[in-house]
Amino acid sequence: MKNRFYTVVNCMDGRVQLPVIDYIKNRFDVEFVDSVTEAGPNRILADGVDSRAVDAILARVQISVEKHHSAGIAVAGHHDCAGNPAPKQTQLRHIQAAARFMQKRYPHLPVTGLWVDEKWRVNAVG
């Protein structure tokens, strides 16, 4: 039976919404993607400096996990991000750190990192 929901912590940038949703629906065979959006959420979760922003993200993820029984969580970053204008390699480190942070919070769920490149293609981050 197809899982119904997957959760993504994604940038608010409208250019990345559909590519990320389509990627998640296809890769994880789900019907719906709950999107938790912020400007540069990979940096927010990786740094952990802005505790209010981190808590706000976690509260919204928790709703998706508890109420929609999300099958997993993805953390995304992207090229040309206004909220996290760091170079690609730095953003990739942010994505990996953010994914590790989320994995500690939700050890029972798979957590993956995603990078959206300059052509708006979504790539898994190991």
N, C-alpha and C. Protein backbone atom coordinates (compact mmCIF):
# COMPACT_ATOMS: atom_id res chain seq x y z
N MET A 1 0.84 -1.18 0.00
CA MET A 1 0.00 0.00 0.00
C MET A 1 0.89 1.25 0.00
N LYS A 2 0.53 2.19 -0.77
CA LYS A 2 1.28 3.44 -0.90
C LYS A 2 1.19 4.25 0.39
N ASN A 3 2.37 4.75 0.84
CA ASN A 3 2.36 5.69 1.96
C ASN A 3 1.65 6.95 1.50
N ARG A 4 1.01 7.59 2.41
CA ARG A 4 0.26 8.78 2.02
C ARG A 4 1.10 10.05 2.10
N PHE A 5 1.90 10.22 3.18
CA PHE A 5 2.60 11.49 3.41
C PHE A 5 4.10 11.33 3.59
N TYR A 6 4.82 12.36 3.21
CA TYR A 6 6.24 12.52 3.49
C TYR A 6 6.41 13.98 3.88
N THR A 7 7.40 14.28 4.69
CA THR A 7 7.61 15.64 5.18
C THR A 7 8.89 16.20 4.58
N VAL A 8 8.86 17.45 4.14
CA VAL A 8 10.08 18.12 3.70
C VAL A 8 10.23 19.44 4.44
N VAL A 9 11.44 19.68 4.92
CA VAL A 9 11.82 20.98 5.45
C VAL A 9 12.55 21.66 4.30
N ASN A 10 11.90 22.63 3.71
CA ASN A 10 12.35 23.19 2.44
C ASN A 10 12.45 24.71 2.56
N CYS A 11 13.16 25.29 1.62
CA CYS A 11 13.23 26.74 1.55
C CYS A 11 11.88 27.28 1.09
N MET A 12 11.59 28.51 1.49
CA MET A 12 10.33 29.14 1.08
C MET A 12 10.33 29.56 -0.38
N ASP A 13 11.50 29.57 -1.01
CA ASP A 13 11.66 29.99 -2.40
C ASP A 13 10.75 29.17 -3.31
N GLY A 14 9.85 29.84 -3.99
CA GLY A 14 8.89 29.18 -4.85
C GLY A 14 9.48 28.37 -5.99
N ARG A 15 10.71 28.68 -6.37
CA ARG A 15 11.34 27.94 -7.47
C ARG A 15 11.64 26.50 -7.11
N VAL A 16 11.77 26.21 -5.84
CA VAL A 16 12.17 24.85 -5.44
C VAL A 16 10.99 23.98 -5.00
N GLN A 17 9.84 24.57 -4.79
CA GLN A 17 8.72 23.82 -4.24
C GLN A 17 8.30 22.63 -5.13
N LEU A 18 7.94 22.90 -6.36
CA LEU A 18 7.46 21.81 -7.22
C LEU A 18 8.52 20.77 -7.54
N PRO A 19 9.76 21.17 -7.88
CA PRO A 19 10.76 20.13 -8.13
C PRO A 19 10.97 19.21 -6.93
N VAL A 20 10.99 19.77 -5.73
CA VAL A 20 11.19 18.95 -4.53
C VAL A 20 9.98 18.06 -4.27
N ILE A 21 8.80 18.60 -4.38
CA ILE A 21 7.59 17.80 -4.17
C ILE A 21 7.53 16.65 -5.18
N ASP A 22 7.75 16.95 -6.46
CA ASP A 22 7.73 15.89 -7.48
C ASP A 22 8.77 14.82 -7.20
N TYR A 23 9.97 15.24 -6.83
CA TYR A 23 11.04 14.29 -6.53
C TYR A 23 10.64 13.36 -5.37
N ILE A 24 10.14 13.95 -4.30
CA ILE A 24 9.77 13.15 -3.13
C ILE A 24 8.63 12.19 -3.46
N LYS A 25 7.62 12.67 -4.17
CA LYS A 25 6.49 11.80 -4.52
C LYS A 25 6.96 10.61 -5.35
N ASN A 26 7.86 10.85 -6.28
CA ASN A 26 8.35 9.76 -7.13
C ASN A 26 9.33 8.85 -6.39
N ARG A 27 10.28 9.43 -5.69
CA ARG A 27 11.31 8.62 -5.04
C ARG A 27 10.75 7.78 -3.89
N PHE A 28 9.84 8.34 -3.12
CA PHE A 28 9.35 7.66 -1.92
C PHE A 28 7.94 7.09 -2.08
N ASP A 29 7.38 7.21 -3.28
CA ASP A 29 6.07 6.64 -3.60
C ASP A 29 5.00 7.05 -2.59
N VAL A 30 4.84 8.38 -2.45
CA VAL A 30 3.83 8.93 -1.55
C VAL A 30 2.84 9.77 -2.35
N GLU A 31 1.69 9.98 -1.76
CA GLU A 31 0.66 10.79 -2.40
C GLU A 31 0.83 12.29 -2.14
N PHE A 32 1.23 12.61 -0.90
CA PHE A 32 1.28 14.00 -0.48
C PHE A 32 2.60 14.33 0.19
N VAL A 33 3.01 15.59 0.06
CA VAL A 33 4.22 16.06 0.72
C VAL A 33 3.85 17.26 1.60
N ASP A 34 4.06 17.10 2.90
CA ASP A 34 3.88 18.22 3.82
C ASP A 34 5.13 19.07 3.76
N SER A 35 4.97 20.35 3.45
CA SER A 35 6.11 21.26 3.32
C SER A 35 6.18 22.20 4.51
N VAL A 36 7.32 22.15 5.19
CA VAL A 36 7.64 23.08 6.27
C VAL A 36 8.66 24.03 5.67
N THR A 37 8.31 25.30 5.51
CA THR A 37 9.20 26.21 4.79
C THR A 37 9.71 27.34 5.66
N GLU A 38 10.95 27.69 5.38
CA GLU A 38 11.65 28.83 5.98
C GLU A 38 12.63 29.32 4.93
N ALA A 39 13.20 30.47 5.15
CA ALA A 39 14.29 30.94 4.29
C ALA A 39 15.58 30.32 4.80
N GLY A 40 16.18 29.45 4.00
CA GLY A 40 17.44 28.80 4.38
C GLY A 40 17.33 27.85 5.55
N PRO A 41 16.37 26.92 5.55
CA PRO A 41 16.19 26.06 6.72
C PRO A 41 17.35 25.10 6.97
N ASN A 42 18.10 24.76 5.94
CA ASN A 42 19.25 23.87 6.15
C ASN A 42 20.26 24.54 7.08
N ARG A 43 20.50 25.83 6.89
CA ARG A 43 21.42 26.57 7.77
C ARG A 43 20.83 26.71 9.17
N ILE A 44 19.55 27.01 9.26
CA ILE A 44 18.90 27.19 10.56
C ILE A 44 19.05 25.93 11.40
N LEU A 45 18.76 24.77 10.81
CA LEU A 45 18.85 23.52 11.56
C LEU A 45 20.30 23.10 11.81
N ALA A 46 21.17 23.38 10.87
CA ALA A 46 22.58 23.01 11.04
C ALA A 46 23.24 23.84 12.13
N ASP A 47 22.99 25.14 12.12
CA ASP A 47 23.62 26.04 13.10
C ASP A 47 22.98 25.92 14.48
N GLY A 48 21.66 25.82 14.52
CA GLY A 48 20.95 25.73 15.78
C GLY A 48 21.02 26.99 16.63
N VAL A 49 21.45 28.10 16.04
CA VAL A 49 21.63 29.35 16.78
C VAL A 49 20.29 30.01 17.10
N ASP A 50 19.39 30.02 16.13
CA ASP A 50 18.08 30.66 16.30
C ASP A 50 17.10 29.63 16.86
N SER A 51 17.08 29.52 18.18
CA SER A 51 16.28 28.46 18.80
C SER A 51 14.78 28.61 18.52
N ARG A 52 14.31 29.85 18.36
CA ARG A 52 12.89 30.04 18.03
C ARG A 52 12.57 29.48 16.65
N ALA A 53 13.44 29.73 15.68
CA ALA A 53 13.22 29.20 14.33
C ALA A 53 13.31 27.68 14.33
N VAL A 54 14.29 27.13 15.04
CA VAL A 54 14.43 25.67 15.12
C VAL A 54 13.17 25.08 15.75
N ASP A 55 12.72 25.64 16.86
CA ASP A 55 11.53 25.13 17.53
C ASP A 55 10.29 25.23 16.64
N ALA A 56 10.18 26.31 15.87
CA ALA A 56 9.03 26.47 14.97
C ALA A 56 9.05 25.39 13.89
N ILE A 57 10.23 25.13 13.34
CA ILE A 57 10.34 24.06 12.33
C ILE A 57 9.96 22.72 12.95
N LEU A 58 10.53 22.43 14.10
CA LEU A 58 10.25 21.14 14.76
C LEU A 58 8.78 20.98 15.10
N ALA A 59 8.12 22.05 15.52
CA ALA A 59 6.69 21.96 15.85
C ALA A 59 5.87 21.58 14.62
N ARG A 60 6.21 22.16 13.49
CA ARG A 60 5.47 21.85 12.26
C ARG A 60 5.79 20.44 11.75
N VAL A 61 7.04 20.03 11.87
CA VAL A 61 7.40 18.66 11.48
C VAL A 61 6.64 17.68 12.37
N GLN A 62 6.57 17.97 13.66
CA GLN A 62 5.88 17.08 14.60
C GLN A 62 4.42 16.87 14.21
N ILE A 63 3.76 17.91 13.77
CA ILE A 63 2.37 17.78 13.33
C ILE A 63 2.29 16.81 12.15
N SER A 64 3.19 16.96 11.19
CA SER A 64 3.19 16.08 10.02
C SER A 64 3.44 14.63 10.43
N VAL A 65 4.39 14.44 11.33
CA VAL A 65 4.74 13.09 11.77
C VAL A 65 3.60 12.46 12.57
N GLU A 66 3.06 13.21 13.52
CA GLU A 66 2.01 12.66 14.39
C GLU A 66 0.66 12.54 13.71
N LYS A 67 0.23 13.59 13.04
CA LYS A 67 -1.13 13.61 12.50
C LYS A 67 -1.25 12.98 11.11
N HIS A 68 -0.19 13.09 10.31
CA HIS A 68 -0.24 12.51 8.97
C HIS A 68 0.56 11.22 8.85
N HIS A 69 1.19 10.82 9.94
CA HIS A 69 1.99 9.58 9.96
C HIS A 69 3.00 9.56 8.81
N SER A 70 3.73 10.64 8.72
CA SER A 70 4.71 10.81 7.65
C SER A 70 5.65 9.60 7.56
N ALA A 71 5.94 9.19 6.35
CA ALA A 71 6.81 8.04 6.10
C ALA A 71 8.28 8.39 6.22
N GLY A 72 8.61 9.67 6.24
CA GLY A 72 10.00 10.09 6.32
C GLY A 72 10.11 11.60 6.25
N ILE A 73 11.35 12.06 6.39
CA ILE A 73 11.63 13.49 6.40
C ILE A 73 12.79 13.79 5.46
N ALA A 74 12.64 14.86 4.68
CA ALA A 74 13.74 15.35 3.84
C ALA A 74 14.06 16.78 4.27
N VAL A 75 15.34 17.13 4.16
CA VAL A 75 15.79 18.50 4.41
C VAL A 75 16.43 18.98 3.11
N ALA A 76 15.96 20.11 2.59
CA ALA A 76 16.43 20.58 1.30
C ALA A 76 17.16 21.91 1.39
N GLY A 77 18.10 22.09 0.48
CA GLY A 77 18.77 23.35 0.27
C GLY A 77 18.87 23.56 -1.23
N HIS A 78 19.22 24.79 -1.65
CA HIS A 78 19.23 25.00 -3.09
C HIS A 78 20.19 26.11 -3.52
N HIS A 79 20.51 26.04 -4.78
CA HIS A 79 21.31 27.06 -5.47
C HIS A 79 20.61 28.41 -5.38
N ASP A 80 21.37 29.47 -5.25
CA ASP A 80 20.84 30.84 -5.29
C ASP A 80 19.84 31.11 -4.17
N CYS A 81 20.14 30.62 -2.99
CA CYS A 81 19.23 30.80 -1.85
C CYS A 81 19.49 32.14 -1.18
N ALA A 82 18.45 32.95 -1.06
CA ALA A 82 18.57 34.25 -0.40
C ALA A 82 18.70 34.10 1.12
N GLY A 83 18.08 33.08 1.69
CA GLY A 83 18.12 32.85 3.13
C GLY A 83 19.40 32.19 3.60
N ASN A 84 20.08 31.51 2.69
CA ASN A 84 21.36 30.87 2.99
C ASN A 84 22.24 31.06 1.76
N PRO A 85 22.84 32.24 1.63
CA PRO A 85 23.62 32.54 0.42
C PRO A 85 25.02 31.93 0.39
N ALA A 86 25.24 30.92 1.19
CA ALA A 86 26.55 30.26 1.25
C ALA A 86 26.83 29.51 -0.05
N PRO A 87 28.11 29.25 -0.34
CA PRO A 87 28.47 28.46 -1.52
C PRO A 87 27.92 27.02 -1.42
N LYS A 88 27.86 26.35 -2.54
CA LYS A 88 27.28 25.01 -2.61
C LYS A 88 27.89 24.07 -1.57
N GLN A 89 29.21 24.00 -1.47
CA GLN A 89 29.84 23.04 -0.56
C GLN A 89 29.44 23.32 0.90
N THR A 90 29.33 24.57 1.25
CA THR A 90 28.89 24.92 2.61
C THR A 90 27.44 24.51 2.81
N GLN A 91 26.62 24.77 1.82
CA GLN A 91 25.20 24.38 1.92
C GLN A 91 25.06 22.86 2.02
N LEU A 92 25.87 22.13 1.28
CA LEU A 92 25.81 20.67 1.37
C LEU A 92 26.15 20.21 2.79
N ARG A 93 27.14 20.85 3.41
CA ARG A 93 27.45 20.52 4.81
C ARG A 93 26.28 20.88 5.72
N HIS A 94 25.64 22.00 5.44
CA HIS A 94 24.45 22.38 6.22
C HIS A 94 23.35 21.33 6.07
N ILE A 95 23.12 20.87 4.86
CA ILE A 95 22.08 19.86 4.61
C ILE A 95 22.40 18.59 5.38
N GLN A 96 23.65 18.16 5.33
CA GLN A 96 24.04 16.93 6.04
C GLN A 96 23.88 17.10 7.55
N ALA A 97 24.31 18.24 8.08
CA ALA A 97 24.18 18.48 9.52
C ALA A 97 22.71 18.56 9.93
N ALA A 98 21.91 19.23 9.11
CA ALA A 98 20.48 19.34 9.40
C ALA A 98 19.80 17.98 9.36
N ALA A 99 20.18 17.15 8.40
CA ALA A 99 19.62 15.79 8.31
C ALA A 99 20.01 14.97 9.53
N ARG A 100 21.25 15.08 9.99
CA ARG A 100 21.67 14.37 11.20
C ARG A 100 20.87 14.85 12.42
N PHE A 101 20.66 16.16 12.51
CA PHE A 101 19.87 16.72 13.60
C PHE A 101 18.45 16.14 13.58
N MET A 102 17.83 16.12 12.42
CA MET A 102 16.46 15.58 12.32
C MET A 102 16.44 14.08 12.59
N GLN A 103 17.48 13.36 12.18
CA GLN A 103 17.53 11.92 12.42
C GLN A 103 17.59 11.62 13.92
N LYS A 104 18.31 12.46 14.67
CA LYS A 104 18.35 12.28 16.13
C LYS A 104 16.98 12.53 16.75
N ARG A 105 16.24 13.49 16.20
CA ARG A 105 14.90 13.80 16.71
C ARG A 105 13.87 12.74 16.34
N TYR A 106 14.08 12.14 15.17
CA TYR A 106 13.12 11.15 14.64
C TYR A 106 13.86 9.89 14.21
N PRO A 107 14.42 9.15 15.18
CA PRO A 107 15.23 7.97 14.82
C PRO A 107 14.43 6.85 14.16
N HIS A 108 13.13 6.87 14.30
CA HIS A 108 12.27 5.84 13.72
C HIS A 108 11.90 6.12 12.25
N LEU A 109 12.31 7.27 11.74
CA LEU A 109 11.97 7.64 10.36
C LEU A 109 13.24 7.80 9.52
N PRO A 110 13.15 7.47 8.23
CA PRO A 110 14.28 7.78 7.36
C PRO A 110 14.35 9.29 7.14
N VAL A 111 15.57 9.81 7.14
CA VAL A 111 15.79 11.24 6.89
C VAL A 111 16.80 11.35 5.76
N THR A 112 16.50 12.18 4.79
CA THR A 112 17.39 12.35 3.66
C THR A 112 17.64 13.83 3.40
N GLY A 113 18.79 14.11 2.82
CA GLY A 113 19.11 15.47 2.42
C GLY A 113 18.92 15.63 0.92
N LEU A 114 18.49 16.81 0.50
CA LEU A 114 18.27 17.09 -0.91
C LEU A 114 18.93 18.41 -1.29
N TRP A 115 19.52 18.44 -2.47
CA TRP A 115 20.12 19.65 -3.03
C TRP A 115 19.44 19.94 -4.36
N VAL A 116 18.98 21.17 -4.55
CA VAL A 116 18.38 21.59 -5.81
C VAL A 116 19.42 22.46 -6.52
N ASP A 117 19.86 21.99 -7.67
CA ASP A 117 20.96 22.66 -8.37
C ASP A 117 20.48 23.85 -9.21
N GLU A 118 21.41 24.44 -9.95
CA GLU A 118 21.12 25.65 -10.73
C GLU A 118 20.14 25.41 -11.88
N LYS A 119 19.90 24.14 -12.25
CA LYS A 119 18.91 23.82 -13.27
C LYS A 119 17.61 23.32 -12.64
N TRP A 120 17.49 23.49 -11.34
CA TRP A 120 16.31 23.12 -10.55
C TRP A 120 16.07 21.62 -10.55
N ARG A 121 17.18 20.85 -10.67
CA ARG A 121 17.12 19.39 -10.53
C ARG A 121 17.41 19.05 -9.09
N VAL A 122 16.71 18.06 -8.58
CA VAL A 122 16.86 17.64 -7.19
C VAL A 122 17.81 16.45 -7.12
N ASN A 123 18.76 16.55 -6.22
CA ASN A 123 19.78 15.50 -6.03
C ASN A 123 19.83 15.09 -4.57
N ALA A 124 19.94 13.79 -4.32
CA ALA A 124 20.10 13.30 -2.94
C ALA A 124 21.48 13.69 -2.46
N VAL A 125 21.55 14.03 -1.18
CA VAL A 125 22.81 14.36 -0.53
C VAL A 125 23.09 13.27 0.49
N GLY A 126 24.24 12.59 0.32
CA GLY A 126 24.58 11.47 1.20
C GLY A 126 25.08 11.88 2.54
